[in-house]
């Protein structure tokens, strides 16, 4: 078991807000003097109300870290040893969303998206680079929204969707590093739609592809060009949920009767064979045209524990349904460094599949058998992949395991001081 002394601090999110975001303006069809791509921006300013991290130290190489939530806070761990580096207290149920810059995460709280600095980063210097490490901490930057939802990272952009007000905020991912430690907040381009549980992605050409719907029903995905003009629209994706990008600039959205793929400026619906066949959670990879998804066919049960997964080829517009022989949860899906499909089964094994053929190439024992809890917020074994390592949590034992995806060997295991829930990481 690996342990180290914890630094425990109370987040500013648990006290009166230290940051007030300026109003988010609705886009118009007319000309604008605003410099952002869609003519909309929000600026946030922050005043420090807590002790900030110590001066950073230069380290020999990048220092990756792992973040995990628990009931009452966030633990920051050394990604190699799993030693606890810091413990930040924060009230309520909070979700973790990596920014994609190797340093920060956005924490979904009751106040909005709050920026968390994991305390490690690397800066280029000519033909080499310098890596730094300091104490992790919550920053004073909060993007105040009503009900923070999905966060998507794609092609140098970080996209936030807020369900309660329908705001879509698009950031240059690099801007989070550029403004770190300066007391400034990156400014997004903002688009507004009707409030609903949605998701959005910006493609490499600047087009924004996002869901449309209401609090009661959603079945539409629309693509809008960088000039604000609508490119394409599809209204045949009932219960649209989740998104994953694949090799070749394709984006797949889950429906209750198949999947919807956006590629080359148009939508293609891949219809499921069964009348009700919900794919609501997907995992994509830039190394593969295939998107891994879940597959539920019982519309009436309170909690279906499926044993089948989908492998959707966005190049061929086909879906293969594969029976794993074990159930899994929405936090069980991941992709390996070569695009291999990974599923953490309730049998305690990490299943590895060839995404093209659907053939299982390995099944490694990692944890004991488990059962998915009824409430989706409750802790359950979770899979997170960073590079060639898979991180698998087991809340029943408070353990976290590191698996080498090249060999299947468990490299490190540690008992944590708290029951881990959500799991993510930064590369440093």
Protein backbone atom coordinates (compact mmCIF):
# COMPACT_ATOMS: atom_id res chain seq x y z
CA UNK A 1 0.00 0.00 0.00
CA UNK A 2 1.29 3.45 -0.90
CA UNK A 3 0.54 6.40 1.34
CA UNK A 4 1.88 9.88 1.89
CA UNK A 5 0.95 12.89 3.99
CA UNK A 6 -2.06 14.71 2.63
CA UNK A 7 -2.42 18.44 2.25
CA UNK A 8 -6.05 19.23 3.08
CA UNK A 9 -7.57 22.53 2.00
CA UNK A 10 -11.12 23.77 1.68
CA UNK A 11 -12.11 24.83 -1.81
CA UNK A 12 -13.39 28.34 -2.47
CA UNK A 13 -16.32 26.61 -4.15
CA UNK A 14 -17.60 25.65 -0.72
CA UNK A 15 -17.70 29.27 0.48
CA UNK A 16 -19.19 32.41 -1.12
CA UNK A 17 -18.02 32.60 -4.71
CA UNK A 18 -14.69 34.29 -5.29
CA UNK A 19 -15.47 34.86 -8.92
CA UNK A 20 -18.34 36.42 -10.84
CA UNK A 21 -18.48 35.69 -14.54
CA UNK A 22 -19.77 38.44 -16.80
CA UNK A 23 -22.97 37.92 -18.74
CA UNK A 24 -22.86 35.54 -21.68
CA UNK A 25 -24.23 37.25 -24.78
CA UNK A 26 -26.46 35.57 -27.35
CA UNK A 27 -25.07 35.43 -30.87
CA UNK A 28 -26.74 37.58 -33.52
CA UNK A 29 -26.75 37.29 -37.30
CA UNK A 30 -25.28 40.77 -37.74
CA UNK A 31 -21.66 41.90 -37.75
CA UNK A 32 -19.79 42.09 -34.47
CA UNK A 33 -16.63 43.78 -33.27
CA UNK A 34 -15.94 40.92 -30.86
CA UNK A 35 -12.75 39.06 -31.73
CA UNK A 36 -14.05 35.56 -30.95
CA UNK A 37 -15.06 33.19 -33.71
CA UNK A 38 -18.82 33.31 -33.07
CA UNK A 39 -18.97 36.98 -31.99
CA UNK A 40 -19.62 36.07 -28.37
CA UNK A 41 -17.30 35.91 -25.39
CA UNK A 42 -17.33 35.85 -21.65
CA UNK A 43 -14.57 37.28 -19.47
CA UNK A 44 -13.98 36.16 -15.92
CA UNK A 45 -11.86 37.96 -13.37
CA UNK A 46 -10.70 36.51 -10.11
CA UNK A 47 -9.54 37.79 -6.77
CA UNK A 48 -7.63 35.38 -4.59
CA UNK A 49 -9.33 34.51 -1.32
CA UNK A 50 -7.17 31.59 -0.28
CA UNK A 51 -3.53 30.66 -0.05
CA UNK A 52 -2.09 29.81 -3.43
CA UNK A 53 0.33 27.00 -4.19
CA UNK A 54 4.01 27.23 -3.41
CA UNK A 55 6.52 28.31 -6.02
CA UNK A 56 6.92 25.59 -8.67
CA UNK A 57 10.05 23.50 -8.77
CA UNK A 58 11.81 22.28 -11.89
CA UNK A 59 11.63 18.49 -12.25
CA UNK A 60 13.61 16.18 -14.50
CA UNK A 61 10.63 14.97 -16.54
CA UNK A 62 6.89 15.39 -16.82
CA UNK A 63 5.10 14.31 -13.63
CA UNK A 64 1.69 12.83 -14.50
CA UNK A 65 -0.97 12.91 -11.81
CA UNK A 66 -4.31 11.21 -11.19
CA UNK A 67 -7.40 12.89 -9.73
CA UNK A 68 -10.26 11.09 -8.03
CA UNK A 69 -13.35 12.44 -6.33
CA UNK A 70 -14.76 11.11 -3.09
CA UNK A 71 -17.73 12.15 -0.96
CA UNK A 72 -16.38 15.48 0.26
CA UNK A 73 -13.35 16.21 -1.85
CA UNK A 74 -10.76 15.46 -4.52
CA UNK A 75 -7.56 13.48 -4.08
CA UNK A 76 -4.52 14.21 -6.25
CA UNK A 77 -2.19 11.23 -6.68
CA UNK A 78 1.20 10.56 -8.21
CA UNK A 79 0.32 8.63 -11.38
CA UNK A 80 3.27 6.26 -10.98
CA UNK A 81 3.36 5.50 -7.25
CA UNK A 82 -0.27 6.41 -6.38
CA UNK A 83 1.03 8.34 -3.37
CA UNK A 84 -1.47 10.97 -2.21
CA UNK A 85 -0.12 14.43 -3.01
CA UNK A 86 -3.05 16.55 -1.83
CA UNK A 87 -6.62 16.41 -0.60
CA UNK A 88 -8.96 19.28 -1.49
CA UNK A 89 -12.27 19.43 0.35
CA UNK A 90 -15.34 20.38 -1.67
CA UNK A 91 -18.94 19.77 -0.73
CA UNK A 92 -21.54 17.91 -2.74
CA UNK A 93 -21.36 15.52 -5.70
CA UNK A 94 -18.74 16.84 -8.12
CA UNK A 95 -17.63 15.60 -11.53
CA UNK A 96 -14.15 15.66 -13.09
CA UNK A 97 -13.47 16.81 -16.64
CA UNK A 98 -9.89 17.01 -17.98
CA UNK A 99 -9.26 20.26 -19.86
CA UNK A 100 -6.81 18.55 -22.22
CA UNK A 101 -3.82 20.82 -21.58
CA UNK A 102 -1.97 18.31 -19.39
CA UNK A 103 -2.36 20.47 -16.28
CA UNK A 104 -5.95 21.42 -15.48
CA UNK A 105 -9.34 19.84 -14.87
CA UNK A 106 -12.76 21.45 -14.80
CA UNK A 107 -14.79 20.36 -11.80
CA UNK A 108 -18.57 20.40 -12.24
CA UNK A 109 -19.97 21.89 -9.04
CA UNK A 110 -23.25 23.46 -7.94
CA UNK A 111 -21.86 26.85 -9.04
CA UNK A 112 -20.67 25.84 -12.49
CA UNK A 113 -17.35 24.71 -13.93
CA UNK A 114 -14.48 25.48 -11.53
CA UNK A 115 -10.90 25.26 -12.77
CA UNK A 116 -8.63 22.92 -10.82
CA UNK A 117 -4.85 23.17 -11.19
CA UNK A 118 -3.26 19.73 -10.77
CA UNK A 119 0.11 21.45 -10.31
CA UNK A 120 2.21 19.90 -13.09
CA UNK A 121 3.07 21.13 -16.57
CA UNK A 122 5.76 21.26 -19.24
CA UNK A 123 6.94 24.28 -21.23
CA UNK A 124 8.87 24.07 -24.53
CA UNK A 125 12.23 25.84 -24.70
CA UNK A 126 13.68 25.66 -28.19
CA UNK A 127 14.91 22.14 -28.86
CA UNK A 128 14.01 20.92 -25.36
CA UNK A 129 11.43 21.48 -22.66
CA UNK A 130 11.23 22.20 -18.93
CA UNK A 131 8.82 20.42 -16.60
CA UNK A 132 7.47 21.88 -13.37
CA UNK A 133 5.60 20.68 -10.29
CA UNK A 134 3.82 22.48 -7.47
CA UNK A 135 0.94 21.93 -5.05
CA UNK A 136 -2.45 21.13 -6.61
CA UNK A 137 -5.23 23.61 -5.85
CA UNK A 138 -8.59 24.97 -6.89
CA UNK A 139 -8.14 28.22 -8.76
CA UNK A 140 -10.47 31.20 -8.37
CA UNK A 141 -11.77 30.69 -11.91
CA UNK A 142 -15.41 29.61 -12.09
CA UNK A 143 -17.56 29.58 -15.22
CA UNK A 144 -20.96 30.19 -13.69
CA UNK A 145 -23.62 28.15 -15.48
CA UNK A 146 -26.88 26.44 -14.65
CA UNK A 147 -26.26 22.69 -14.34
CA UNK A 148 -22.84 21.97 -15.89
CA UNK A 149 -22.90 19.01 -18.26
CA UNK A 150 -20.64 17.36 -20.81
CA UNK A 151 -17.07 18.53 -21.49
CA UNK A 152 -15.52 17.53 -24.83
CA UNK A 153 -11.92 17.86 -26.01
CA UNK A 154 -11.10 17.76 -29.71
CA UNK A 155 -8.44 19.17 -32.03
CA UNK A 156 -7.09 21.78 -29.61
CA UNK A 157 -10.51 22.88 -28.37
CA UNK A 158 -12.28 22.34 -25.06
CA UNK A 159 -16.07 22.57 -25.23
CA UNK A 160 -18.39 22.97 -22.24
CA UNK A 161 -22.14 22.35 -22.38
CA UNK A 162 -24.43 23.54 -19.58
CA UNK A 163 -27.75 21.73 -19.47
CA UNK A 164 -29.73 24.24 -17.42
CA UNK A 165 -29.22 27.24 -19.69
CA UNK A 166 -28.16 25.68 -23.01
CA UNK A 167 -24.86 27.56 -23.20
CA UNK A 168 -22.02 26.10 -25.26
CA UNK A 169 -18.57 27.52 -24.45
CA UNK A 170 -15.64 26.79 -26.76
CA UNK A 171 -12.07 27.43 -25.58
CA UNK A 172 -8.66 27.14 -27.16
CA UNK A 173 -7.27 24.41 -24.94
CA UNK A 174 -3.83 26.03 -24.90
CA UNK A 175 -5.31 29.21 -23.38
CA UNK A 176 -5.65 27.48 -20.01
CA UNK A 177 -1.87 27.01 -19.86
CA UNK A 178 -1.20 30.48 -21.22
CA UNK A 179 -3.21 32.19 -18.46
CA UNK A 180 -2.25 29.86 -15.60
CA UNK A 181 -1.00 31.67 -12.53
CA UNK A 182 -1.79 35.12 -13.92
CA UNK A 183 -5.16 35.60 -12.23
CA UNK A 184 -6.88 35.62 -15.62
CA UNK A 185 -9.45 33.26 -17.05
CA UNK A 186 -9.49 31.99 -20.64
CA UNK A 187 -12.29 33.56 -22.65
CA UNK A 188 -14.61 31.28 -24.63
CA UNK A 189 -16.69 31.70 -27.71
CA UNK A 190 -20.29 31.23 -26.62
CA UNK A 191 -23.32 29.82 -28.44
CA UNK A 192 -26.77 29.41 -26.92
CA UNK A 193 -29.46 26.83 -27.53
CA UNK A 194 -32.56 25.70 -25.65
CA UNK A 195 -31.77 24.18 -22.24
CA UNK A 196 -31.47 20.39 -22.41
CA UNK A 197 -29.06 17.60 -21.51
CA UNK A 198 -26.80 18.08 -24.50
CA UNK A 199 -23.31 17.91 -25.92
CA UNK A 200 -21.21 19.76 -28.50
CA UNK A 201 -17.96 19.36 -30.43
CA UNK A 202 -16.03 21.79 -32.62
CA UNK A 203 -14.46 20.25 -35.71
CA UNK A 204 -11.07 21.23 -37.15
CA UNK A 205 -12.68 23.55 -39.72
CA UNK A 206 -14.37 25.57 -36.98
CA UNK A 207 -17.82 24.09 -37.46
CA UNK A 208 -19.78 23.47 -34.27
CA UNK A 209 -21.83 20.28 -34.07
CA UNK A 210 -24.30 20.18 -31.19
CA UNK A 211 -27.52 18.67 -29.96
CA UNK A 212 -30.84 20.49 -29.80
CA UNK A 213 -33.82 19.63 -27.62
CA UNK A 214 -35.83 20.48 -24.54
CA UNK A 215 -35.89 19.25 -20.97
CA UNK A 216 -38.51 16.69 -22.02
CA UNK A 217 -37.27 15.46 -25.39
CA UNK A 218 -34.25 15.63 -27.68
CA UNK A 219 -33.74 14.08 -31.11
CA UNK A 220 -31.79 16.65 -33.12
CA UNK A 221 -28.14 17.30 -33.94
CA UNK A 222 -27.15 20.36 -35.98
CA UNK A 223 -23.87 21.47 -37.57
CA UNK A 224 -23.12 25.18 -37.88
CA UNK A 225 -20.16 26.52 -39.84
CA UNK A 226 -17.56 28.94 -38.52
CA UNK A 227 -19.48 31.67 -40.36
CA UNK A 228 -22.62 30.95 -38.34
CA UNK A 229 -24.50 29.36 -41.22
CA UNK A 230 -26.16 25.99 -40.72
CA UNK A 231 -24.43 23.20 -42.63
CA UNK A 232 -26.57 20.18 -41.81
CA UNK A 233 -29.33 19.01 -39.48
CA UNK A 234 -30.67 15.62 -38.47
CA UNK A 235 -33.83 15.02 -36.42
CA UNK A 236 -33.71 11.22 -36.33
CA UNK A 237 -31.74 10.55 -33.14
CA UNK A 238 -34.27 10.02 -30.33
CA UNK A 239 -32.82 10.48 -26.85
CA UNK A 240 -29.53 11.71 -28.29
CA UNK A 241 -26.81 11.39 -25.66
CA UNK A 242 -23.04 11.51 -25.62
CA UNK A 243 -20.44 12.03 -28.31
CA UNK A 244 -17.14 10.50 -29.39
CA UNK A 245 -14.68 11.56 -32.07
CA UNK A 246 -12.96 9.06 -34.34
CA UNK A 247 -10.09 9.05 -36.79
CA UNK A 248 -10.88 11.00 -39.95
CA UNK A 249 -12.75 13.91 -38.33
CA UNK A 250 -15.89 11.93 -37.58
CA UNK A 251 -18.15 12.48 -34.58
CA UNK A 252 -20.65 9.86 -33.38
CA UNK A 253 -23.72 10.65 -31.27
CA UNK A 254 -25.69 7.99 -29.41
CA UNK A 255 -29.41 7.45 -30.07
CA UNK A 256 -32.07 5.15 -28.64
CA UNK A 257 -32.22 3.29 -31.96
CA UNK A 258 -28.63 3.37 -33.21
CA UNK A 259 -26.01 6.05 -33.76
CA UNK A 260 -25.69 9.25 -35.75
CA UNK A 261 -22.38 10.04 -37.45
CA UNK A 262 -21.27 13.48 -38.66
CA UNK A 263 -18.47 13.45 -41.23
CA UNK A 264 -17.52 15.51 -44.28
CA UNK A 265 -20.28 18.03 -43.63
CA UNK A 266 -23.18 15.60 -43.44
CA UNK A 267 -25.01 13.28 -41.07
CA UNK A 268 -25.50 9.54 -41.53
CA UNK A 269 -27.89 7.55 -39.34
CA UNK A 270 -26.80 4.01 -38.53
CA UNK A 271 -30.03 2.27 -37.62
CA UNK A 272 -30.02 -0.48 -35.00
CA UNK A 273 -31.64 -3.79 -35.85
CA UNK A 274 -33.80 -3.71 -32.71
CA UNK A 275 -36.58 -1.16 -32.21
CA UNK A 276 -35.05 0.06 -28.95
CA UNK A 277 -31.26 -0.14 -28.81
CA UNK A 278 -29.76 2.70 -26.81
CA UNK A 279 -26.14 3.74 -27.11
CA UNK A 280 -25.66 6.60 -24.68
CA UNK A 281 -21.97 6.38 -23.78
CA UNK A 282 -19.12 6.20 -26.27
CA UNK A 283 -15.32 6.16 -26.30
CA UNK A 284 -13.42 7.27 -29.40
CA UNK A 285 -9.79 7.25 -30.50
CA UNK A 286 -7.79 9.22 -33.05
CA UNK A 287 -6.07 5.91 -33.85
CA UNK A 288 -9.25 4.22 -35.08
CA UNK A 289 -12.32 4.95 -37.20
CA UNK A 290 -14.31 2.76 -34.79
CA UNK A 291 -16.23 4.15 -31.81
CA UNK A 292 -16.86 1.95 -28.77
CA UNK A 293 -20.31 2.28 -27.21
CA UNK A 294 -22.66 0.70 -24.72
CA UNK A 295 -25.80 -1.16 -25.85
CA UNK A 296 -29.07 -1.32 -23.92
CA UNK A 297 -32.23 -2.97 -25.27
CA UNK A 298 -34.63 -3.05 -22.29
CA UNK A 299 -36.57 0.21 -22.31
CA UNK A 300 -38.67 -0.58 -19.23
CA UNK A 301 -36.15 -1.73 -16.61
CA UNK A 302 -34.97 0.71 -13.94
CA UNK A 303 -31.34 -0.21 -14.50
CA UNK A 304 -30.30 -2.46 -17.32
CA UNK A 305 -26.99 -4.21 -16.83
CA UNK A 306 -26.02 -4.91 -20.45
CA UNK A 307 -23.53 -7.52 -21.60
CA UNK A 308 -23.27 -6.30 -25.19
CA UNK A 309 -21.25 -3.38 -26.59
CA UNK A 310 -21.23 -1.65 -29.98
CA UNK A 311 -18.29 -1.07 -32.31
CA UNK A 312 -19.33 1.53 -34.88
CA UNK A 313 -17.09 2.07 -37.90
CA UNK A 314 -17.49 5.72 -38.88
CA UNK A 315 -15.71 5.10 -42.20
CA UNK A 316 -18.01 2.29 -43.33
CA UNK A 317 -21.07 3.53 -41.39
CA UNK A 318 -21.68 0.10 -39.87
CA UNK A 319 -22.18 -1.15 -36.32
CA UNK A 320 -21.06 -4.47 -34.89
CA UNK A 321 -22.72 -5.71 -31.69
CA UNK A 322 -20.47 -7.86 -29.49
CA UNK A 323 -21.54 -9.88 -26.44
CA UNK A 324 -18.84 -9.70 -23.75
CA UNK A 325 -20.42 -12.33 -21.55
CA UNK A 326 -20.24 -9.93 -18.60
CA UNK A 327 -21.98 -6.69 -17.73
CA UNK A 328 -20.34 -3.29 -17.25
CA UNK A 329 -21.26 0.33 -16.45
CA UNK A 330 -21.02 3.70 -18.18
CA UNK A 331 -17.64 4.23 -16.49
CA UNK A 332 -16.25 1.00 -17.93
CA UNK A 333 -15.39 2.14 -21.46
CA UNK A 334 -11.95 3.28 -22.66
CA UNK A 335 -9.46 3.18 -25.51
CA UNK A 336 -5.85 2.06 -25.53
CA UNK A 337 -2.88 3.83 -27.15
CA UNK A 338 -3.32 1.92 -30.43
CA UNK A 339 -7.08 2.41 -30.46
CA UNK A 340 -7.91 -0.95 -28.88
CA UNK A 341 -11.32 -1.10 -27.21
CA UNK A 342 -11.24 -1.53 -23.43
CA UNK A 343 -14.13 -2.57 -21.18
CA UNK A 344 -13.99 -3.07 -17.42
CA UNK A 345 -16.44 -5.91 -16.76
CA UNK A 346 -18.35 -6.72 -13.59
CA UNK A 347 -16.37 -9.96 -13.63
CA UNK A 348 -13.41 -7.85 -12.47
CA UNK A 349 -11.52 -8.27 -15.74
CA UNK A 350 -10.26 -5.62 -18.13
CA UNK A 351 -11.39 -6.85 -21.55
CA UNK A 352 -9.38 -5.86 -24.64
CA UNK A 353 -11.01 -6.02 -28.07
CA UNK A 354 -9.82 -5.48 -31.62
CA UNK A 355 -12.09 -2.60 -32.71
CA UNK A 356 -12.19 -3.70 -36.34
CA UNK A 357 -13.09 -7.36 -35.85
CA UNK A 358 -14.67 -7.25 -32.39
CA UNK A 359 -12.46 -10.16 -31.34
CA UNK A 360 -11.43 -10.22 -27.69
CA UNK A 361 -7.63 -10.30 -27.62
CA UNK A 362 -7.15 -10.35 -23.84
CA UNK A 363 -9.01 -10.36 -20.52
CA UNK A 364 -6.91 -9.41 -17.50
CA UNK A 365 -7.86 -9.97 -13.87
CA UNK A 366 -7.72 -6.67 -11.99
CA UNK A 367 -10.36 -6.54 -9.22
CA UNK A 368 -13.02 -8.75 -7.63
CA UNK A 369 -16.45 -9.23 -9.17
CA UNK A 370 -18.81 -6.29 -8.61
CA UNK A 371 -22.34 -5.07 -9.35
CA UNK A 372 -23.37 -1.72 -10.77
CA UNK A 373 -25.29 0.39 -8.20
CA UNK A 374 -28.79 1.66 -8.99
CA UNK A 375 -27.95 5.37 -8.56
CA UNK A 376 -25.60 6.63 -11.27
CA UNK A 377 -23.89 9.05 -8.86
CA UNK A 378 -22.85 6.23 -6.52
CA UNK A 379 -19.24 5.05 -6.63
CA UNK A 380 -18.51 1.98 -8.74
CA UNK A 381 -15.33 0.53 -10.28
CA UNK A 382 -14.12 2.99 -12.90
CA UNK A 383 -11.70 2.82 -15.82
CA UNK A 384 -9.46 5.72 -16.86
CA UNK A 385 -6.74 5.44 -19.51
CA UNK A 386 -3.69 7.70 -19.74
CA UNK A 387 -1.07 6.75 -22.31
CA UNK A 388 -0.27 3.05 -22.08
CA UNK A 389 -1.64 2.69 -18.57
CA UNK A 390 -5.14 1.90 -17.37
CA UNK A 391 -6.26 3.05 -13.93
CA UNK A 392 -8.95 0.90 -12.32
CA UNK A 393 -10.63 1.88 -9.06
CA UNK A 394 -12.44 -0.35 -6.58
CA UNK A 395 -14.51 1.69 -4.11
CA UNK A 396 -15.41 -1.38 -2.02
CA UNK A 397 -11.77 -1.81 -1.02
CA UNK A 398 -10.77 1.87 -1.53
CA UNK A 399 -8.10 0.61 -3.91
CA UNK A 400 -6.67 1.94 -7.16
CA UNK A 401 -4.71 -0.24 -9.58
CA UNK A 402 -2.38 0.66 -12.46
CA UNK A 403 -2.40 -1.77 -15.40
CA UNK A 404 0.26 -1.88 -18.12
CA UNK A 405 -1.74 -2.05 -21.36
CA UNK A 406 1.19 -3.64 -23.18
CA UNK A 407 1.38 -6.68 -20.92
CA UNK A 408 -1.74 -6.70 -18.77
CA UNK A 409 0.42 -6.68 -15.65
CA UNK A 410 -0.78 -4.76 -12.59
CA UNK A 411 2.14 -2.41 -11.98
CA UNK A 412 1.01 -0.72 -8.78
CA UNK A 413 -1.87 -0.95 -6.33
CA UNK A 414 -2.69 1.34 -3.44
CA UNK A 415 -5.33 1.63 -0.75
CA UNK A 416 -6.63 5.20 -0.70
CA UNK A 417 -7.76 7.12 2.40
CA UNK A 418 -11.20 7.67 0.85
CA UNK A 419 -13.63 5.74 -1.36
CA UNK A 420 -12.81 6.75 -4.97
CA UNK A 421 -15.62 7.76 -7.30
CA UNK A 422 -14.82 9.64 -10.52
CA UNK A 423 -11.36 9.28 -12.02
CA UNK A 424 -9.27 11.34 -14.43
CA UNK A 425 -5.68 12.51 -14.88
CA UNK A 426 -3.21 14.99 -16.33
CA UNK A 427 -0.02 14.21 -18.21
CA UNK A 428 2.08 17.00 -16.72
